[in-house]
């Protein structure tokens, strides 16, 4: 009952690939650039933005806004990945970051935190 087709929504994910030192005029600036993959779509069941820990998958201390459930226990997601939950990637930068991942027998649960990213 966790992943009924009518409850699923399209979500996009960009996975962390590497960190590259930033250069300007051939010199290192001391800043790093995070490189991520191109956004990839998947279907997930998303909770409303509440921030409560009803399911207790992550405990009560973790600060997150949404909980996504994917019906694949081996879904490739990490805590350095970013998500587009409320808008598609064409509309601008990501709107959520992955805070924690919990894997259970038949599904993966992702805790996501809303962020404001300047384009």
PDB file of N, CA and C in Angstrom:
ATOM      1  N   UNK A   1       0.812  -1.197   0.000  1.00  0.00           N
ATOM      2  CA  UNK A   1       0.000   0.000   0.000  1.00  0.00           C
ATOM      3  C   UNK A   1       0.855   1.260   0.000  1.00  0.00           C
ATOM      4  N   UNK A   2       2.144   1.105   0.219  1.00  0.00           N
ATOM      5  CA  UNK A   2       3.032   2.242   0.295  1.00  0.00           C
ATOM      6  C   UNK A   2       3.247   2.931  -1.051  1.00  0.00           C
ATOM      7  N   UNK A   3       3.208   2.172  -2.146  1.00  0.00           N
ATOM      8  CA  UNK A   3       3.551   2.711  -3.452  1.00  0.00           C
ATOM      9  C   UNK A   3       2.441   2.466  -4.472  1.00  0.00           C
ATOM     10  N   UNK A   4       1.239   2.894  -4.141  1.00  0.00           N
ATOM     11  CA  UNK A   4       0.127   2.778  -5.076  1.00  0.00           C
ATOM     12  C   UNK A   4       0.369   3.765  -6.211  1.00  0.00           C
ATOM     13  N   UNK A   5       0.135   3.315  -7.445  1.00  0.00           N
ATOM     14  CA  UNK A   5       0.413   4.154  -8.612  1.00  0.00           C
ATOM     15  C   UNK A   5      -0.282   5.508  -8.554  1.00  0.00           C
ATOM     16  N   UNK A   6      -1.500   5.567  -8.060  1.00  0.00           N
ATOM     17  CA  UNK A   6      -2.214   6.839  -8.037  1.00  0.00           C
ATOM     18  C   UNK A   6      -1.591   7.841  -7.068  1.00  0.00           C
ATOM     19  N   UNK A   7      -0.820   7.366  -6.089  1.00  0.00           N
ATOM     20  CA  UNK A   7      -0.198   8.249  -5.101  1.00  0.00           C
ATOM     21  C   UNK A   7       1.210   8.692  -5.499  1.00  0.00           C
ATOM     22  N   UNK A   8       1.764   8.086  -6.519  1.00  0.00           N
ATOM     23  CA  UNK A   8       3.135   8.431  -6.919  1.00  0.00           C
ATOM     24  C   UNK A   8       3.169   9.736  -7.683  1.00  0.00           C
ATOM     25  N   UNK A   9       4.324  10.384  -7.612  1.00  0.00           N
ATOM     26  CA  UNK A   9       4.534  11.622  -8.353  1.00  0.00           C
ATOM     27  C   UNK A   9       5.925  11.600  -8.959  1.00  0.00           C
ATOM     28  N   UNK A  10       6.103  12.372 -10.004  1.00  0.00           N
ATOM     29  CA  UNK A  10       7.409  12.461 -10.665  1.00  0.00           C
ATOM     30  C   UNK A  10       8.334  13.338  -9.835  1.00  0.00           C
ATOM     31  N   UNK A  11       9.499  12.815  -9.524  1.00  0.00           N
ATOM     32  CA  UNK A  11      10.531  13.524  -8.775  1.00  0.00           C
ATOM     33  C   UNK A  11      11.820  13.375  -9.576  1.00  0.00           C
ATOM     34  N   UNK A  12      12.696  14.370  -9.500  1.00  0.00           N
ATOM     35  CA  UNK A  12      13.978  14.293 -10.201  1.00  0.00           C
ATOM     36  C   UNK A  12      15.117  14.329  -9.197  1.00  0.00           C
ATOM     37  N   UNK A  13      16.198  13.640  -9.532  1.00  0.00           N
ATOM     38  CA  UNK A  13      17.365  13.562  -8.660  1.00  0.00           C
ATOM     39  C   UNK A  13      18.627  13.833  -9.473  1.00  0.00           C
ATOM     40  N   UNK A  14      19.555  14.590  -8.891  1.00  0.00           N
ATOM     41  CA  UNK A  14      20.884  14.774  -9.464  1.00  0.00           C
ATOM     42  C   UNK A  14      21.860  14.207  -8.439  1.00  0.00           C
ATOM     43  N   UNK A  15      22.604  13.203  -8.858  1.00  0.00           N
ATOM     44  CA  UNK A  15      23.504  12.500  -7.942  1.00  0.00           C
ATOM     45  C   UNK A  15      24.872  13.165  -7.880  1.00  0.00           C
ATOM     46  N   UNK A  16      25.449  13.154  -6.686  1.00  0.00           N
ATOM     47  CA  UNK A  16      26.796  13.699  -6.466  1.00  0.00           C
ATOM     48  C   UNK A  16      27.811  12.887  -7.269  1.00  0.00           C
ATOM     49  N   UNK A  17      28.734  13.592  -7.959  1.00  0.00           N
ATOM     50  CA  UNK A  17      29.792  12.903  -8.692  1.00  0.00           C
ATOM     51  C   UNK A  17      31.174  13.183  -8.108  1.00  0.00           C
ATOM     52  N   UNK A  18      31.516  14.465  -7.929  1.00  0.00           N
ATOM     53  CA  UNK A  18      32.833  14.798  -7.378  1.00  0.00           C
ATOM     54  C   UNK A  18      32.909  16.279  -7.023  1.00  0.00           C
ATOM     55  N   UNK A  19      33.970  16.642  -6.315  1.00  0.00           N
ATOM     56  CA  UNK A  19      34.259  18.030  -5.967  1.00  0.00           C
ATOM     57  C   UNK A  19      35.518  18.443  -6.710  1.00  0.00           C
ATOM     58  N   UNK A  20      35.449  19.587  -7.390  1.00  0.00           N
ATOM     59  CA  UNK A  20      36.563  20.071  -8.192  1.00  0.00           C
ATOM     60  C   UNK A  20      36.993  21.441  -7.656  1.00  0.00           C
ATOM     61  N   UNK A  21      38.304  21.684  -7.458  1.00  0.00           N
ATOM     62  CA  UNK A  21      38.757  23.002  -7.022  1.00  0.00           C
ATOM     63  C   UNK A  21      38.478  24.053  -8.106  1.00  0.00           C
ATOM     64  N   UNK A  22      37.984  25.210  -7.687  1.00  0.00           N
ATOM     65  CA  UNK A  22      37.688  26.298  -8.628  1.00  0.00           C
ATOM     66  C   UNK A  22      38.964  27.051  -8.999  1.00  0.00           C
ATOM     67  N   UNK A  23      39.073  27.372 -10.277  1.00  0.00           N
ATOM     68  CA  UNK A  23      40.224  28.134 -10.763  1.00  0.00           C
ATOM     69  C   UNK A  23      39.759  29.411 -11.442  1.00  0.00           C
ATOM     70  N   UNK A  24      40.550  30.475 -11.282  1.00  0.00           N
ATOM     71  CA  UNK A  24      40.307  31.741 -11.969  1.00  0.00           C
ATOM     72  C   UNK A  24      41.651  32.250 -12.460  1.00  0.00           C
ATOM     73  N   UNK A  25      41.756  32.499 -13.755  1.00  0.00           N
ATOM     74  CA  UNK A  25      43.002  32.965 -14.372  1.00  0.00           C
ATOM     75  C   UNK A  25      44.148  31.998 -14.104  1.00  0.00           C
ATOM     76  N   UNK A  26      43.854  30.697 -14.102  1.00  0.00           N
ATOM     77  CA  UNK A  26      44.884  29.685 -13.913  1.00  0.00           C
ATOM     78  C   UNK A  26      45.333  29.492 -12.476  1.00  0.00           C
ATOM     79  N   UNK A  27      44.675  30.151 -11.533  1.00  0.00           N
ATOM     80  CA  UNK A  27      45.048  30.032 -10.117  1.00  0.00           C
ATOM     81  C   UNK A  27      43.875  29.500  -9.311  1.00  0.00           C
ATOM     82  N   UNK A  28      44.186  28.738  -8.288  1.00  0.00           N
ATOM     83  CA  UNK A  28      43.138  28.206  -7.416  1.00  0.00           C
ATOM     84  C   UNK A  28      42.543  29.327  -6.565  1.00  0.00           C
ATOM     85  N   UNK A  29      41.230  29.332  -6.432  1.00  0.00           N
ATOM     86  CA  UNK A  29      40.558  30.386  -5.666  1.00  0.00           C
ATOM     87  C   UNK A  29      40.324  29.994  -4.208  1.00  0.00           C
ATOM     88  N   UNK A  30      40.500  28.729  -3.886  1.00  0.00           N
ATOM     89  CA  UNK A  30      40.220  28.254  -2.531  1.00  0.00           C
ATOM     90  C   UNK A  30      38.784  27.787  -2.359  1.00  0.00           C
ATOM     91  N   UNK A  31      37.985  27.896  -3.411  1.00  0.00           N
ATOM     92  CA  UNK A  31      36.606  27.420  -3.374  1.00  0.00           C
ATOM     93  C   UNK A  31      36.515  26.108  -4.141  1.00  0.00           C
ATOM     94  N   UNK A  32      35.475  25.360  -3.858  1.00  0.00           N
ATOM     95  CA  UNK A  32      35.242  24.092  -4.547  1.00  0.00           C
ATOM     96  C   UNK A  32      33.924  24.142  -5.303  1.00  0.00           C
ATOM     97  N   UNK A  33      33.862  23.419  -6.408  1.00  0.00           N
ATOM     98  CA  UNK A  33      32.655  23.296  -7.211  1.00  0.00           C
ATOM     99  C   UNK A  33      32.185  21.851  -7.109  1.00  0.00           C
ATOM    100  N   UNK A  34      30.924  21.663  -6.750  1.00  0.00           N
ATOM    101  CA  UNK A  34      30.349  20.327  -6.651  1.00  0.00           C
ATOM    102  C   UNK A  34      29.752  19.975  -8.009  1.00  0.00           C
ATOM    103  N   UNK A  35      30.190  18.848  -8.558  1.00  0.00           N
ATOM    104  CA  UNK A  35      29.645  18.390  -9.829  1.00  0.00           C
ATOM    105  C   UNK A  35      28.659  17.267  -9.562  1.00  0.00           C
ATOM    106  N   UNK A  36      27.499  17.375 -10.234  1.00  0.00           N
ATOM    107  CA  UNK A  36      26.451  16.370 -10.091  1.00  0.00           C
ATOM    108  C   UNK A  36      26.032  15.878 -11.470  1.00  0.00           C
ATOM    109  N   UNK A  37      25.385  14.730 -11.506  1.00  0.00           N
ATOM    110  CA  UNK A  37      24.890  14.175 -12.765  1.00  0.00           C
ATOM    111  C   UNK A  37      23.722  15.022 -13.271  1.00  0.00           C
ATOM    112  N   UNK A  38      23.321  14.779 -14.499  1.00  0.00           N
ATOM    113  CA  UNK A  38      22.129  15.424 -15.028  1.00  0.00           C
ATOM    114  C   UNK A  38      20.915  14.913 -14.258  1.00  0.00           C
ATOM    115  N   UNK A  39      19.887  15.752 -14.093  1.00  0.00           N
ATOM    116  CA  UNK A  39      18.692  15.298 -13.374  1.00  0.00           C
ATOM    117  C   UNK A  39      18.044  14.096 -14.062  1.00  0.00           C
ATOM    118  N   UNK A  40      17.641  13.152 -13.238  1.00  0.00           N
ATOM    119  CA  UNK A  40      17.020  11.915 -13.718  1.00  0.00           C
ATOM    120  C   UNK A  40      15.698  11.745 -12.985  1.00  0.00           C
ATOM    121  N   UNK A  41      14.649  11.405 -13.710  1.00  0.00           N
ATOM    122  CA  UNK A  41      13.332  11.271 -13.110  1.00  0.00           C
ATOM    123  C   UNK A  41      13.086   9.894 -12.518  1.00  0.00           C
ATOM    124  N   UNK A  42      12.247   9.843 -11.489  1.00  0.00           N
ATOM    125  CA  UNK A  42      11.787   8.592 -10.900  1.00  0.00           C
ATOM    126  C   UNK A  42      10.439   8.835 -10.245  1.00  0.00           C
ATOM    127  N   UNK A  43       9.739   7.779  -9.916  1.00  0.00           N
ATOM    128  CA  UNK A  43       8.436   7.897  -9.267  1.00  0.00           C
ATOM    129  C   UNK A  43       8.558   7.568  -7.788  1.00  0.00           C
ATOM    130  N   UNK A  44       7.938   8.400  -6.958  1.00  0.00           N
ATOM    131  CA  UNK A  44       7.992   8.189  -5.513  1.00  0.00           C
ATOM    132  C   UNK A  44       6.691   8.654  -4.881  1.00  0.00           C
ATOM    133  N   UNK A  45       6.397   8.117  -3.734  1.00  0.00           N
ATOM    134  CA  UNK A  45       5.278   8.584  -2.932  1.00  0.00           C
ATOM    135  C   UNK A  45       5.845   9.610  -1.965  1.00  0.00           C
ATOM    136  N   UNK A  46       5.312  10.833  -2.002  1.00  0.00           N
ATOM    137  CA  UNK A  46       5.840  11.919  -1.167  1.00  0.00           C
ATOM    138  C   UNK A  46       4.805  12.342  -0.138  1.00  0.00           C
ATOM    139  N   UNK A  47       5.250  12.578   1.084  1.00  0.00           N
ATOM    140  CA  UNK A  47       4.363  13.088   2.126  1.00  0.00           C
ATOM    141  C   UNK A  47       4.175  14.582   1.930  1.00  0.00           C
ATOM    142  N   UNK A  48       3.194  15.127   2.580  1.00  0.00           N
ATOM    143  CA  UNK A  48       2.996  16.569   2.579  1.00  0.00           C
ATOM    144  C   UNK A  48       4.110  17.197   3.418  1.00  0.00           C
ATOM    145  N   UNK A  49       4.441  18.471   3.166  1.00  0.00           N
ATOM    146  CA  UNK A  49       5.504  19.117   3.937  1.00  0.00           C
ATOM    147  C   UNK A  49       5.106  19.351   5.389  1.00  0.00           C
ATOM    148  N   UNK A  50       5.500  18.443   6.275  1.00  0.00           N
ATOM    149  CA  UNK A  50       5.127  18.562   7.682  1.00  0.00           C
ATOM    150  C   UNK A  50       6.330  18.610   8.604  1.00  0.00           C
ATOM    151  N   UNK A  51       7.339  17.797   8.344  1.00  0.00           N
ATOM    152  CA  UNK A  51       8.506  17.765   9.208  1.00  0.00           C
ATOM    153  C   UNK A  51       8.339  16.884  10.423  1.00  0.00           C
ATOM    154  N   UNK A  52       7.237  16.165  10.527  1.00  0.00           N
ATOM    155  CA  UNK A  52       7.030  15.278  11.665  1.00  0.00           C
ATOM    156  C   UNK A  52       7.678  13.930  11.399  1.00  0.00           C
ATOM    157  N   UNK A  53       7.996  13.225  12.451  1.00  0.00           N
ATOM    158  CA  UNK A  53       8.632  11.916  12.332  1.00  0.00           C
ATOM    159  C   UNK A  53       7.646  10.822  12.704  1.00  0.00           C
ATOM    160  N   UNK A  54       6.493  10.801  12.047  1.00  0.00           N
ATOM    161  CA  UNK A  54       5.455   9.824  12.381  1.00  0.00           C
ATOM    162  C   UNK A  54       5.914   8.395  12.151  1.00  0.00           C
ATOM    163  N   UNK A  55       6.563   8.147  11.023  1.00  0.00           N
ATOM    164  CA  UNK A  55       6.975   6.791  10.696  1.00  0.00           C
ATOM    165  C   UNK A  55       8.146   6.314  11.517  1.00  0.00           C
ATOM    166  N   UNK A  56       8.858   7.201  12.171  1.00  0.00           N
ATOM    167  CA  UNK A  56      10.007   6.898  13.016  1.00  0.00           C
ATOM    168  C   UNK A  56      11.117   6.179  12.259  1.00  0.00           C
ATOM    169  N   UNK A  57      11.175   6.352  10.939  1.00  0.00           N
ATOM    170  CA  UNK A  57      12.272   5.772  10.172  1.00  0.00           C
ATOM    171  C   UNK A  57      13.581   6.463  10.515  1.00  0.00           C
ATOM    172  N   UNK A  58      13.510   7.766  10.811  1.00  0.00           N
ATOM    173  CA  UNK A  58      14.714   8.552  11.042  1.00  0.00           C
ATOM    174  C   UNK A  58      14.807   9.097  12.456  1.00  0.00           C
ATOM    175  N   UNK A  59      13.870   8.766  13.300  1.00  0.00           N
ATOM    176  CA  UNK A  59      13.882   9.282  14.659  1.00  0.00           C
ATOM    177  C   UNK A  59      13.189  10.628  14.748  1.00  0.00           C
ATOM    178  N   UNK A  60      13.363  11.317  15.869  1.00  0.00           N
ATOM    179  CA  UNK A  60      12.682  12.598  16.057  1.00  0.00           C
ATOM    180  C   UNK A  60      13.639  13.784  16.043  1.00  0.00           C
ATOM    181  N   UNK A  61      14.925  13.571  15.970  1.00  0.00           N
ATOM    182  CA  UNK A  61      15.886  14.665  16.018  1.00  0.00           C
ATOM    183  C   UNK A  61      16.262  15.205  14.633  1.00  0.00           C
ATOM    184  N   UNK A  62      16.072  14.417  13.589  1.00  0.00           N
ATOM    185  CA  UNK A  62      16.469  14.823  12.249  1.00  0.00           C
ATOM    186  C   UNK A  62      15.518  15.894  11.717  1.00  0.00           C
ATOM    187  N   UNK A  63      16.078  16.979  11.179  1.00  0.00           N
ATOM    188  CA  UNK A  63      15.295  18.082  10.636  1.00  0.00           C
ATOM    189  C   UNK A  63      15.059  17.848   9.147  1.00  0.00           C
ATOM    190  N   UNK A  64      13.834  17.465   8.779  1.00  0.00           N
ATOM    191  CA  UNK A  64      13.499  17.269   7.375  1.00  0.00           C
ATOM    192  C   UNK A  64      12.052  17.689   7.135  1.00  0.00           C
ATOM    193  N   UNK A  65      11.736  17.979   5.863  1.00  0.00           N
ATOM    194  CA  UNK A  65      10.417  18.480   5.518  1.00  0.00           C
ATOM    195  C   UNK A  65       9.523  17.454   4.830  1.00  0.00           C
ATOM    196  N   UNK A  66      10.117  16.631   3.965  1.00  0.00           N
ATOM    197  CA  UNK A  66       9.335  15.666   3.197  1.00  0.00           C
ATOM    198  C   UNK A  66       9.937  14.291   3.342  1.00  0.00           C
ATOM    199  N   UNK A  67       9.102  13.295   3.175  1.00  0.00           N
ATOM    200  CA  UNK A  67       9.548  11.909   3.208  1.00  0.00           C
ATOM    201  C   UNK A  67       9.108  11.257   1.903  1.00  0.00           C
ATOM    202  N   UNK A  68      10.055  10.698   1.157  1.00  0.00           N
ATOM    203  CA  UNK A  68       9.771  10.037  -0.110  1.00  0.00           C
ATOM    204  C   UNK A  68       9.929   8.536   0.070  1.00  0.00           C
ATOM    205  N   UNK A  69       9.025   7.771  -0.509  1.00  0.00           N
ATOM    206  CA  UNK A  69       9.124   6.317  -0.474  1.00  0.00           C
ATOM    207  C   UNK A  69       9.235   5.817  -1.906  1.00  0.00           C
ATOM    208  N   UNK A  70      10.287   5.044  -2.180  1.00  0.00           N
ATOM    209  CA  UNK A  70      10.525   4.458  -3.496  1.00  0.00           C
ATOM    210  C   UNK A  70      10.445   2.946  -3.326  1.00  0.00           C
ATOM    211  N   UNK A  71       9.727   2.273  -4.225  1.00  0.00           N
ATOM    212  CA  UNK A  71       9.514   0.833  -4.053  1.00  0.00           C
ATOM    213  C   UNK A  71      10.672  -0.019  -4.570  1.00  0.00           C
ATOM    214  N   UNK A  72      11.882   0.487  -4.464  1.00  0.00           N
ATOM    215  CA  UNK A  72      13.087  -0.234  -4.868  1.00  0.00           C
ATOM    216  C   UNK A  72      14.068  -0.203  -3.694  1.00  0.00           C
ATOM    217  N   UNK A  73      14.376  -1.348  -3.081  1.00  0.00           N
ATOM    218  CA  UNK A  73      15.284  -1.343  -1.932  1.00  0.00           C
ATOM    219  C   UNK A  73      16.729  -1.017  -2.304  1.00  0.00           C
ATOM    220  N   UNK A  74      17.063  -1.089  -3.585  1.00  0.00           N
ATOM    221  CA  UNK A  74      18.428  -0.796  -4.038  1.00  0.00           C
ATOM    222  C   UNK A  74      18.506   0.519  -4.806  1.00  0.00           C
ATOM    223  N   UNK A  75      17.530   1.411  -4.617  1.00  0.00           N
ATOM    224  CA  UNK A  75      17.514   2.698  -5.318  1.00  0.00           C
ATOM    225  C   UNK A  75      18.790   3.470  -4.998  1.00  0.00           C
ATOM    226  N   UNK A  76      19.468   3.949  -6.025  1.00  0.00           N
ATOM    227  CA  UNK A  76      20.748   4.646  -5.882  1.00  0.00           C
ATOM    228  C   UNK A  76      20.513   6.089  -5.442  1.00  0.00           C
ATOM    229  N   UNK A  77      20.690   6.342  -4.147  1.00  0.00           N
ATOM    230  CA  UNK A  77      20.532   7.680  -3.584  1.00  0.00           C
ATOM    231  C   UNK A  77      21.507   7.819  -2.427  1.00  0.00           C
ATOM    232  N   UNK A  78      22.060   9.022  -2.277  1.00  0.00           N
ATOM    233  CA  UNK A  78      22.999   9.290  -1.196  1.00  0.00           C
ATOM    234  C   UNK A  78      22.702  10.626  -0.545  1.00  0.00           C
ATOM    235  N   UNK A  79      23.359  10.890   0.556  1.00  0.00           N
ATOM    236  CA  UNK A  79      23.093  12.105   1.315  1.00  0.00           C
ATOM    237  C   UNK A  79      23.715  13.352   0.707  1.00  0.00           C
ATOM    238  N   UNK A  80      24.412  13.227  -0.414  1.00  0.00           N
ATOM    239  CA  UNK A  80      24.966  14.390  -1.106  1.00  0.00           C
ATOM    240  C   UNK A  80      24.183  14.700  -2.385  1.00  0.00           C
ATOM    241  N   UNK A  81      23.065  14.023  -2.584  1.00  0.00           N
ATOM    242  CA  UNK A  81      22.259  14.226  -3.785  1.00  0.00           C
ATOM    243  C   UNK A  81      21.232  15.334  -3.555  1.00  0.00           C
ATOM    244  N   UNK A  82      20.723  15.899  -4.665  1.00  0.00           N
ATOM    245  CA  UNK A  82      19.710  16.954  -4.593  1.00  0.00           C
ATOM    246  C   UNK A  82      18.466  16.514  -5.359  1.00  0.00           C
ATOM    247  N   UNK A  83      17.310  17.078  -4.983  1.00  0.00           N
ATOM    248  CA  UNK A  83      16.022  16.662  -5.543  1.00  0.00           C
ATOM    249  C   UNK A  83      15.210  17.853  -6.041  1.00  0.00           C
ATOM    250  N   UNK A  84      14.390  17.594  -7.044  1.00  0.00           N
ATOM    251  CA  UNK A  84      13.364  18.519  -7.506  1.00  0.00           C
ATOM    252  C   UNK A  84      12.037  17.841  -7.204  1.00  0.00           C
ATOM    253  N   UNK A  85      11.366  18.258  -6.140  1.00  0.00           N
ATOM    254  CA  UNK A  85      10.105  17.643  -5.746  1.00  0.00           C
ATOM    255  C   UNK A  85       8.924  18.512  -6.173  1.00  0.00           C
ATOM    256  N   UNK A  86       8.988  19.807  -5.901  1.00  0.00           N
ATOM    257  CA  UNK A  86       7.860  20.704  -6.168  1.00  0.00           C
ATOM    258  C   UNK A  86       7.883  21.325  -7.555  1.00  0.00           C
ATOM    259  N   UNK A  87       8.978  21.216  -8.271  1.00  0.00           N
ATOM    260  CA  UNK A  87       9.073  21.798  -9.608  1.00  0.00           C
ATOM    261  C   UNK A  87      10.035  20.965 -10.453  1.00  0.00           C
ATOM    262  N   UNK A  88       9.872  20.986 -11.778  1.00  0.00           N
ATOM    263  CA  UNK A  88      10.786  20.231 -12.637  1.00  0.00           C
ATOM    264  C   UNK A  88      12.135  20.926 -12.767  1.00  0.00           C
ATOM    265  N   UNK A  89      13.167  20.201 -13.185  1.00  0.00           N
ATOM    266  CA  UNK A  89      14.504  20.791 -13.306  1.00  0.00           C
ATOM    267  C   UNK A  89      14.572  21.939 -14.309  1.00  0.00           C
ATOM    268  N   UNK A  90      13.642  21.967 -15.267  1.00  0.00           N
ATOM    269  CA  UNK A  90      13.641  23.046 -16.265  1.00  0.00           C
ATOM    270  C   UNK A  90      13.308  24.394 -15.648  1.00  0.00           C
ATOM    271  N   UNK A  91      12.605  24.404 -14.518  1.00  0.00           N
ATOM    272  CA  UNK A  91      12.166  25.652 -13.895  1.00  0.00           C
ATOM    273  C   UNK A  91      13.238  26.324 -13.049  1.00  0.00           C
ATOM    274  N   UNK A  92      14.356  25.669 -12.799  1.00  0.00           N
ATOM    275  CA  UNK A  92      15.404  26.287 -12.001  1.00  0.00           C
ATOM    276  C   UNK A  92      16.176  25.288 -11.172  1.00  0.00           C
ATOM    277  N   UNK A  93      16.915  25.796 -10.182  1.00  0.00           N
ATOM    278  CA  UNK A  93      17.739  24.906  -9.350  1.00  0.00           C
ATOM    279  C   UNK A  93      16.889  24.008  -8.458  1.00  0.00           C
ATOM    280  N   UNK A  94      17.557  23.031  -7.853  1.00  0.00           N
ATOM    281  CA  UNK A  94      16.868  22.069  -6.990  1.00  0.00           C
ATOM    282  C   UNK A  94      16.164  22.760  -5.830  1.00  0.00           C
ATOM    283  N   UNK A  95      15.150  22.092  -5.276  1.00  0.00           N
ATOM    284  CA  UNK A  95      14.416  22.679  -4.162  1.00  0.00           C
ATOM    285  C   UNK A  95      14.510  21.867  -2.871  1.00  0.00           C
ATOM    286  N   UNK A  96      15.149  20.685  -2.923  1.00  0.00           N
ATOM    287  CA  UNK A  96      15.333  19.858  -1.732  1.00  0.00           C
ATOM    288  C   UNK A  96      16.702  19.180  -1.768  1.00  0.00           C
ATOM    289  N   UNK A  97      17.229  18.875  -0.593  1.00  0.00           N
ATOM    290  CA  UNK A  97      18.455  18.084  -0.475  1.00  0.00           C
ATOM    291  C   UNK A  97      18.120  16.823   0.324  1.00  0.00           C
ATOM    292  N   UNK A  98      18.859  15.765   0.065  1.00  0.00           N
ATOM    293  CA  UNK A  98      18.656  14.516   0.793  1.00  0.00           C
ATOM    294  C   UNK A  98      19.341  14.629   2.150  1.00  0.00           C
ATOM    295  N   UNK A  99      18.585  14.408   3.210  1.00  0.00           N
ATOM    296  CA  UNK A  99      19.138  14.470   4.561  1.00  0.00           C
ATOM    297  C   UNK A  99      19.521  13.093   5.090  1.00  0.00           C
ATOM    298  N   UNK A 100      18.730  12.083   4.783  1.00  0.00           N
ATOM    299  CA  UNK A 100      18.978  10.743   5.304  1.00  0.00           C
ATOM    300  C   UNK A 100      18.280   9.725   4.415  1.00  0.00           C
ATOM    301  N   UNK A 101      18.847   8.524   4.354  1.00  0.00           N
ATOM    302  CA  UNK A 101      18.276   7.431   3.565  1.00  0.00           C
ATOM    303  C   UNK A 101      18.121   6.218   4.479  1.00  0.00           C
ATOM    304  N   UNK A 102      16.952   5.589   4.426  1.00  0.00           N
ATOM    305  CA  UNK A 102      16.697   4.367   5.194  1.00  0.00           C
ATOM    306  C   UNK A 102      16.207   3.300   4.224  1.00  0.00           C
ATOM    307  N   UNK A 103      16.833   2.150   4.262  1.00  0.00           N
ATOM    308  CA  UNK A 103      16.443   1.044   3.386  1.00  0.00           C
ATOM    309  C   UNK A 103      15.761  -0.030   4.225  1.00  0.00           C
ATOM    310  N   UNK A 104      14.621  -0.481   3.737  1.00  0.00           N
ATOM    311  CA  UNK A 104      13.869  -1.529   4.404  1.00  0.00           C
ATOM    312  C   UNK A 104      13.680  -2.660   3.410  1.00  0.00           C
ATOM    313  N   UNK A 105      13.090  -3.754   3.826  1.00  0.00           N
ATOM    314  CA  UNK A 105      12.951  -4.942   2.996  1.00  0.00           C
ATOM    315  C   UNK A 105      12.631  -4.720   1.539  1.00  0.00           C
ATOM    316  N   UNK A 106      11.551  -4.020   1.243  1.00  0.00           N
ATOM    317  CA  UNK A 106      11.101  -3.868  -0.136  1.00  0.00           C
ATOM    318  C   UNK A 106      11.106  -2.432  -0.630  1.00  0.00           C
ATOM    319  N   UNK A 107      11.577  -1.482   0.148  1.00  0.00           N
ATOM    320  CA  UNK A 107      11.503  -0.088  -0.271  1.00  0.00           C
ATOM    321  C   UNK A 107      12.624   0.744   0.352  1.00  0.00           C
ATOM    322  N   UNK A 108      12.786   1.954  -0.188  1.00  0.00           N
ATOM    323  CA  UNK A 108      13.761   2.925   0.305  1.00  0.00           C
ATOM    324  C   UNK A 108      12.999   4.168   0.735  1.00  0.00           C
ATOM    325  N   UNK A 109      13.327   4.720   1.892  1.00  0.00           N
ATOM    326  CA  UNK A 109      12.696   5.941   2.385  1.00  0.00           C
ATOM    327  C   UNK A 109      13.756   7.033   2.428  1.00  0.00           C
ATOM    328  N   UNK A 110      13.421   8.207   1.884  1.00  0.00           N
ATOM    329  CA  UNK A 110      14.351   9.333   1.796  1.00  0.00           C
ATOM    330  C   UNK A 110      13.779  10.503   2.586  1.00  0.00           C
ATOM    331  N   UNK A 111      14.552  11.070   3.496  1.00  0.00           N
ATOM    332  CA  UNK A 111      14.174  12.290   4.204  1.00  0.00           C
ATOM    333  C   UNK A 111      14.775  13.452   3.429  1.00  0.00           C
ATOM    334  N   UNK A 112      13.938  14.425   3.037  1.00  0.00           N
ATOM    335  CA  UNK A 112      14.389  15.554   2.229  1.00  0.00           C
ATOM    336  C   UNK A 112      14.098  16.865   2.949  1.00  0.00           C
ATOM    337  N   UNK A 113      15.015  17.814   2.847  1.00  0.00           N
ATOM    338  CA  UNK A 113      14.891  19.127   3.460  1.00  0.00           C
ATOM    339  C   UNK A 113      14.775  20.183   2.373  1.00  0.00           C
ATOM    340  N   UNK A 114      13.804  21.066   2.482  1.00  0.00           N
ATOM    341  CA  UNK A 114      13.616  22.154   1.505  1.00  0.00           C
ATOM    342  C   UNK A 114      14.744  23.166   1.652  1.00  0.00           C
ATOM    343  N   UNK A 115      15.261  23.644   0.526  1.00  0.00           N
ATOM    344  CA  UNK A 115      16.311  24.659   0.517  1.00  0.00           C
ATOM    345  C   UNK A 115      15.962  25.730  -0.510  1.00  0.00           C
ATOM    346  N   UNK A 116      16.478  26.915  -0.305  1.00  0.00           N
ATOM    347  CA  UNK A 116      16.353  28.006  -1.276  1.00  0.00           C
ATOM    348  C   UNK A 116      17.698  28.185  -1.955  1.00  0.00           C
ATOM    349  N   UNK A 117      17.745  27.942  -3.263  1.00  0.00           N
ATOM    350  CA  UNK A 117      18.986  28.027  -4.024  1.00  0.00           C
ATOM    351  C   UNK A 117      18.840  29.163  -5.036  1.00  0.00           C
ATOM    352  N   UNK A 118      19.805  30.051  -5.052  1.00  0.00           N
ATOM    353  CA  UNK A 118      19.785  31.145  -6.035  1.00  0.00           C
ATOM    354  C   UNK A 118      20.251  30.618  -7.381  1.00  0.00           C
ATOM    355  N   UNK A 119      19.532  30.975  -8.453  1.00  0.00           N
ATOM    356  CA  UNK A 119      19.955  30.496  -9.793  1.00  0.00           C
ATOM    357  C   UNK A 119      21.276  31.078 -10.246  1.00  0.00           C
TER     358      UNK A 119
END
